[in-house]
Amino acid sequence: MSNKPTHDVCLVEENGDKAFFTNVGSAWLKDTGTISVEIRPNLSVSGRLVVSQFEIWPNFSLQPVS
């Protein structure tokens, strides 16, 4: 696994016809074709997750959750 992640992992929360994305981790595309996901420590995640390559949202700035 490379040290640099290839994908963002986001939690999707829907409110009516709007969707809000919160970055909850990173993912790496491995040579075997599988994706390895790492969720940030001490974070409980449930619901829908989206794993997307960084360049899919070139103008989208993800802010860390404190």
C-alpha atoms as a PDB file:
ATOM      1  CA  MET A   1       0.000   0.000   0.000  1.00  0.00           C
ATOM      2  CA  SER A   2       1.339   3.397  -0.972  1.00  0.00           C
ATOM      3  CA  ASN A   3       1.755   6.039   1.700  1.00  0.00           C
ATOM      4  CA  LYS A   4      -0.415   8.465  -0.274  1.00  0.00           C
ATOM      5  CA  PRO A   5      -4.168   7.742  -0.260  1.00  0.00           C
ATOM      6  CA  THR A   6      -5.894   7.498  -3.638  1.00  0.00           C
ATOM      7  CA  HIS A   7      -9.481   7.934  -2.421  1.00  0.00           C
ATOM      8  CA  ASP A   8     -11.565   9.914   0.058  1.00  0.00           C
ATOM      9  CA  VAL A   9     -14.028   8.143   2.342  1.00  0.00           C
ATOM     10  CA  CYS A  10     -17.071  10.267   3.185  1.00  0.00           C
ATOM     11  CA  LEU A  11     -20.161   9.754   5.300  1.00  0.00           C
ATOM     12  CA  VAL A  12     -23.291  10.887   3.451  1.00  0.00           C
ATOM     13  CA  GLU A  13     -26.116  12.473   5.399  1.00  0.00           C
ATOM     14  CA  GLU A  14     -29.241  13.307   3.425  1.00  0.00           C
ATOM     15  CA  ASN A  15     -31.693  16.051   4.276  1.00  0.00           C
ATOM     16  CA  GLY A  16     -34.540  16.200   1.796  1.00  0.00           C
ATOM     17  CA  ASP A  17     -33.031  16.562  -1.663  1.00  0.00           C
ATOM     18  CA  LYS A  18     -29.638  17.728  -0.326  1.00  0.00           C
ATOM     19  CA  ALA A  19     -26.699  15.512   0.615  1.00  0.00           C
ATOM     20  CA  PHE A  20     -23.942  16.491   3.029  1.00  0.00           C
ATOM     21  CA  PHE A  21     -20.546  14.803   2.828  1.00  0.00           C
ATOM     22  CA  THR A  22     -18.226  14.516   5.836  1.00  0.00           C
ATOM     23  CA  ASN A  23     -14.729  13.154   5.355  1.00  0.00           C
ATOM     24  CA  VAL A  24     -14.220  10.220   7.732  1.00  0.00           C
ATOM     25  CA  GLY A  25     -11.088   8.619   6.317  1.00  0.00           C
ATOM     26  CA  SER A  26      -8.945   7.655   3.369  1.00  0.00           C
ATOM     27  CA  ALA A  27      -8.552   4.681   1.070  1.00  0.00           C
ATOM     28  CA  TRP A  28      -5.833   3.157  -1.077  1.00  0.00           C
ATOM     29  CA  LEU A  29      -6.241   1.227  -4.322  1.00  0.00           C
ATOM     30  CA  LYS A  30      -4.017  -1.847  -4.022  1.00  0.00           C
ATOM     31  CA  ASP A  31      -2.201  -3.724  -6.782  1.00  0.00           C
ATOM     32  CA  THR A  32      -4.678  -6.599  -6.377  1.00  0.00           C
ATOM     33  CA  GLY A  33      -7.569  -4.320  -7.380  1.00  0.00           C
ATOM     34  CA  THR A  34      -8.979  -4.167  -3.864  1.00  0.00           C
ATOM     35  CA  ILE A  35      -9.440  -0.983  -1.855  1.00  0.00           C
ATOM     36  CA  SER A  36      -8.073  -0.703   1.668  1.00  0.00           C
ATOM     37  CA  VAL A  37     -10.038   1.744   3.853  1.00  0.00           C
ATOM     38  CA  GLU A  38      -8.846   3.482   7.009  1.00  0.00           C
ATOM     39  CA  ILE A  39     -11.390   5.329   9.162  1.00  0.00           C
ATOM     40  CA  ARG A  40      -9.969   8.018  11.439  1.00  0.00           C
ATOM     41  CA  PRO A  41      -9.344   6.918  15.044  1.00  0.00           C
ATOM     42  CA  ASN A  42     -12.050   7.335  17.707  1.00  0.00           C
ATOM     43  CA  LEU A  43     -14.770   7.893  15.125  1.00  0.00           C
ATOM     44  CA  SER A  44     -18.018   5.945  15.174  1.00  0.00           C
ATOM     45  CA  VAL A  45     -19.444   5.655  11.666  1.00  0.00           C
ATOM     46  CA  SER A  46     -22.795   4.298  10.557  1.00  0.00           C
ATOM     47  CA  GLY A  47     -24.909   4.918   7.503  1.00  0.00           C
ATOM     48  CA  ARG A  48     -23.922   5.356   3.865  1.00  0.00           C
ATOM     49  CA  LEU A  49     -20.255   5.750   2.938  1.00  0.00           C
ATOM     50  CA  VAL A  50     -18.932   6.950  -0.398  1.00  0.00           C
ATOM     51  CA  VAL A  51     -15.424   6.048  -1.559  1.00  0.00           C
ATOM     52  CA  SER A  52     -14.319   8.281  -4.420  1.00  0.00           C
ATOM     53  CA  GLN A  53     -11.096   9.123  -6.174  1.00  0.00           C
ATOM     54  CA  PHE A  54      -9.647  12.507  -5.279  1.00  0.00           C
ATOM     55  CA  GLU A  55     -10.068  13.955  -8.778  1.00  0.00           C
ATOM     56  CA  ILE A  56     -13.838  13.303  -8.886  1.00  0.00           C
ATOM     57  CA  TRP A  57     -14.425  16.436  -6.761  1.00  0.00           C
ATOM     58  CA  PRO A  58     -11.594  18.751  -7.899  1.00  0.00           C
ATOM     59  CA  ASN A  59     -13.205  21.891  -6.454  1.00  0.00           C
ATOM     60  CA  PHE A  60     -14.570  20.229  -3.324  1.00  0.00           C
ATOM     61  CA  SER A  61     -12.718  21.105  -0.127  1.00  0.00           C
ATOM     62  CA  LEU A  62     -13.132  18.640   2.707  1.00  0.00           C
ATOM     63  CA  GLN A  63     -12.763  20.103   6.176  1.00  0.00           C
ATOM     64  CA  PRO A  64     -11.546  17.965   9.071  1.00  0.00           C
ATOM     65  CA  VAL A  65     -14.126  17.183  11.723  1.00  0.00           C
ATOM     66  CA  SER A  66     -12.967  18.038  15.228  1.00  0.00           C
END
